[in-house]
Every structure is written in structure tokens, then in C-alpha cells.
């Protein structure tokens, strides 16, 4: 699995924590920043990361901003992306199993590093169950391709 990792200024510190989690899990990843605490615009990081997932260069992305909302909205504008805003372990598990999410979004001002690390682990370690869920994902893809 290959993951791209990005944040805006509000998610820098949490993104660095998640990078350590990916290293512990032996997951190949690229961290595209941002590397500052000065204000930047989340679409400038979220959209390029999502595009690289949609192109197949990366399998998944983890995007972090202050609330996770801006990153999830931005990423979901890219066709083929199923970005999920997650702040609990149950949702992290089910969004992979049922929704085949390929982008995880989290809010650094909403959750702490301990919970965020567990969410990332749960999300990385779960797979899509397909079955009855596959038809639903196909319907989304068909709509995107209109």
C-alpha cells in the first residue's frame, strides 16, 4: 500500500504524528506538507493529494486540517475519490469496509494525537468488504462519470 499524506497549517503537528504511525506500520508514504504554521489554503494540499490517488499513483491519502471538513470537501471534488471525515474508531473501520474510502480526513483541532493515531491504524488495516456494498460504490462512480 502506498499513501500520500498532507495537511494545511492547522494539521501540521498531527500530520507528523500520523507519519510516525505509517512508519510503525511499515506503510510506504509520501508527505507533501505543508511544512509551516503560517496560514495556507487546504485545497492547495488536499486537491493535489486526491488527484494523485485518483490517478492510481497512490492507493490512499490521509489529509488533515483544523476540522477535517475543508480537506474532505476539497478531496471529494476529485472524481474517483471517496473521502471520509473520521473522528472515531467505528467510523474509521466502517468507512473502509462499507464505503471503500480512499481518503481519510481528520481534524487536528477536533481530536488529539492518540485517537488520531488509532483512527489511522484502523483505517489502514481494514479492507473493503465488497458484496452488497460494491453496487453502492458503483452507483457513485456511474454518477461521477455522467
Protein backbone atom coordinates (compact mmCIF):
# COMPACT_ATOMS: atom_id res chain seq x y z
CA UNK A 1 0.00 0.00 0.00
CA UNK A 2 1.18 3.49 -0.90
CA UNK A 3 -0.23 6.51 0.97
CA UNK A 4 0.09 10.25 0.36
CA UNK A 5 -0.05 12.45 3.45
CA UNK A 6 -0.89 16.17 3.51
CA UNK A 7 -2.13 18.93 5.77
CA UNK A 8 -2.68 22.63 5.95
CA UNK A 9 -1.17 24.78 8.71
CA UNK A 10 -3.79 23.62 11.22
CA UNK A 11 -2.81 19.98 10.78
CA UNK A 12 1.00 20.12 10.65
CA UNK A 13 1.69 18.64 14.08
CA UNK A 14 -0.92 15.89 13.78
CA UNK A 15 0.34 15.04 10.29
CA UNK A 16 3.83 14.47 11.73
CA UNK A 17 2.31 12.12 14.33
CA UNK A 18 0.49 10.19 11.61
CA UNK A 19 3.73 9.92 9.61
CA UNK A 20 5.22 8.08 12.60
CA UNK A 21 2.23 5.72 12.65
CA UNK A 22 2.74 4.93 8.96
CA UNK A 23 6.41 4.20 9.64
CA UNK A 24 5.44 1.85 12.51
CA UNK A 25 3.01 0.04 10.21
CA UNK A 26 5.70 -0.18 7.50
CA UNK A 27 3.44 1.65 5.04
CA UNK A 28 5.14 3.36 2.11
CA UNK A 29 4.14 7.03 2.06
CA UNK A 30 4.99 10.46 0.74
CA UNK A 31 4.47 13.54 2.89
CA UNK A 32 3.70 16.60 0.74
CA UNK A 33 3.36 19.10 3.59
CA UNK A 34 2.67 21.82 4.39
CA UNK A 35 5.79 22.48 6.41
CA UNK A 36 4.78 25.76 8.01
CA UNK A 37 2.46 27.06 10.67
CA UNK A 38 1.63 30.20 8.71
CA UNK A 39 -1.79 30.21 7.10
CA UNK A 40 -2.13 28.24 3.86
CA UNK A 41 -5.19 27.12 1.90
CA UNK A 42 -6.26 23.50 2.43
CA UNK A 43 -7.35 22.98 -1.22
CA UNK A 44 -3.74 23.64 -2.28
CA UNK A 45 -2.75 20.42 -0.48
CA UNK A 46 -5.94 18.35 -0.44
CA UNK A 47 -6.78 18.50 -4.13
CA UNK A 48 -3.31 17.54 -5.45
CA UNK A 49 -3.14 14.66 -2.96
CA UNK A 50 -6.59 13.44 -4.00
CA UNK A 51 -5.66 13.73 -7.69
CA UNK A 52 -2.64 11.51 -7.10
CA UNK A 53 -4.89 8.88 -5.50
CA UNK A 54 -7.43 9.15 -8.32
CA UNK A 55 -4.66 8.72 -10.90
CA UNK A 56 -3.54 5.48 -9.25
CA UNK A 57 -0.14 6.80 -8.21
CA UNK A 58 -1.18 6.28 -4.57
CA UNK A 59 -3.67 3.81 -3.10
CA UNK A 60 -4.91 6.14 -0.37
CA UNK A 61 -4.42 9.54 1.21
CA UNK A 62 -4.60 10.93 4.73
CA UNK A 63 -5.48 14.63 4.85
CA UNK A 64 -5.54 16.81 7.95
CA UNK A 65 -6.72 20.35 8.58
CA UNK A 66 -8.18 22.09 11.62
CA UNK A 67 -11.57 20.39 11.46
CA UNK A 68 -11.07 17.94 8.57
CA UNK A 69 -14.07 19.49 6.85
CA UNK A 70 -12.18 21.62 4.33
CA UNK A 71 -9.93 18.75 3.31
CA UNK A 72 -12.88 16.37 2.91
CA UNK A 73 -14.85 18.84 0.80
CA UNK A 74 -11.81 19.56 -1.38
CA UNK A 75 -10.83 15.92 -1.87
CA UNK A 76 -14.39 14.86 -2.70
CA UNK A 77 -14.41 17.25 -5.68
CA UNK A 78 -11.95 14.93 -7.42
CA UNK A 79 -13.72 12.19 -9.42
CA UNK A 80 -12.95 8.74 -8.04
CA UNK A 81 -12.31 9.96 -4.53
CA UNK A 82 -14.32 8.76 -1.57
CA UNK A 83 -13.01 10.95 1.25
CA UNK A 84 -14.35 10.28 4.71
CA UNK A 85 -14.18 12.70 7.62
CA UNK A 86 -13.49 10.49 10.63
CA UNK A 87 -13.25 11.28 14.34
CA UNK A 88 -13.94 7.86 15.91
CA UNK A 89 -12.75 4.26 15.53
CA UNK A 90 -16.07 2.77 14.43
CA UNK A 91 -16.36 5.17 11.51
CA UNK A 92 -12.71 4.55 10.56
CA UNK A 93 -13.42 0.82 10.31
CA UNK A 94 -16.77 1.01 8.54
CA UNK A 95 -15.77 3.67 6.02
CA UNK A 96 -13.17 1.22 4.71
CA UNK A 97 -15.32 -1.91 4.96
CA UNK A 98 -18.55 -0.49 3.54
CA UNK A 99 -17.62 2.66 1.62
CA UNK A 100 -14.16 1.74 0.29
CA UNK A 101 -12.95 5.20 1.29
CA UNK A 102 -9.64 6.01 -0.30
CA UNK A 103 -9.03 9.26 1.57
CA UNK A 104 -9.10 9.68 5.35
CA UNK A 105 -9.68 13.23 6.63
CA UNK A 106 -9.21 14.26 10.25
CA UNK A 107 -9.42 17.48 12.22
CA UNK A 108 -6.41 18.34 14.36
CA UNK A 109 -8.49 20.78 16.42
CA UNK A 110 -11.16 18.13 16.99
CA UNK A 111 -9.18 15.06 18.10
CA UNK A 112 -5.86 14.50 19.79
CA UNK A 113 -2.85 12.60 18.50
CA UNK A 114 -3.61 9.39 20.44
CA UNK A 115 -7.06 8.95 18.96
CA UNK A 116 -5.91 10.13 15.52
CA UNK A 117 -3.16 7.51 15.54
CA UNK A 118 -5.65 4.75 16.38
CA UNK A 119 -8.01 6.00 13.68
CA UNK A 120 -5.22 5.94 11.10
CA UNK A 121 -4.21 2.40 12.13
CA UNK A 122 -7.80 1.18 11.97
CA UNK A 123 -8.37 2.80 8.58
CA UNK A 124 -5.13 1.45 7.11
CA UNK A 125 -5.69 -2.08 8.42
CA UNK A 126 -9.26 -2.56 7.20
CA UNK A 127 -10.25 -3.61 3.69
CA UNK A 128 -13.34 -3.14 1.55
CA UNK A 129 -15.81 -5.99 2.05
CA UNK A 130 -17.39 -5.56 -1.41
CA UNK A 131 -20.52 -7.76 -1.51
CA UNK A 132 -23.67 -5.67 -1.27
CA UNK A 133 -21.53 -2.55 -0.78
CA UNK A 134 -19.89 -2.85 -4.22
CA UNK A 135 -23.14 -1.99 -6.01
CA UNK A 136 -23.44 1.23 -3.99
CA UNK A 137 -19.88 2.29 -4.80
CA UNK A 138 -20.54 1.52 -8.47
CA UNK A 139 -23.60 3.82 -8.41
CA UNK A 140 -21.44 6.67 -7.13
CA UNK A 141 -18.85 6.04 -9.84
CA UNK A 142 -21.57 5.94 -12.53
CA UNK A 143 -22.91 9.30 -11.35
CA UNK A 144 -19.41 10.81 -11.42
CA UNK A 145 -18.92 9.61 -14.98
CA UNK A 146 -22.10 11.24 -16.38
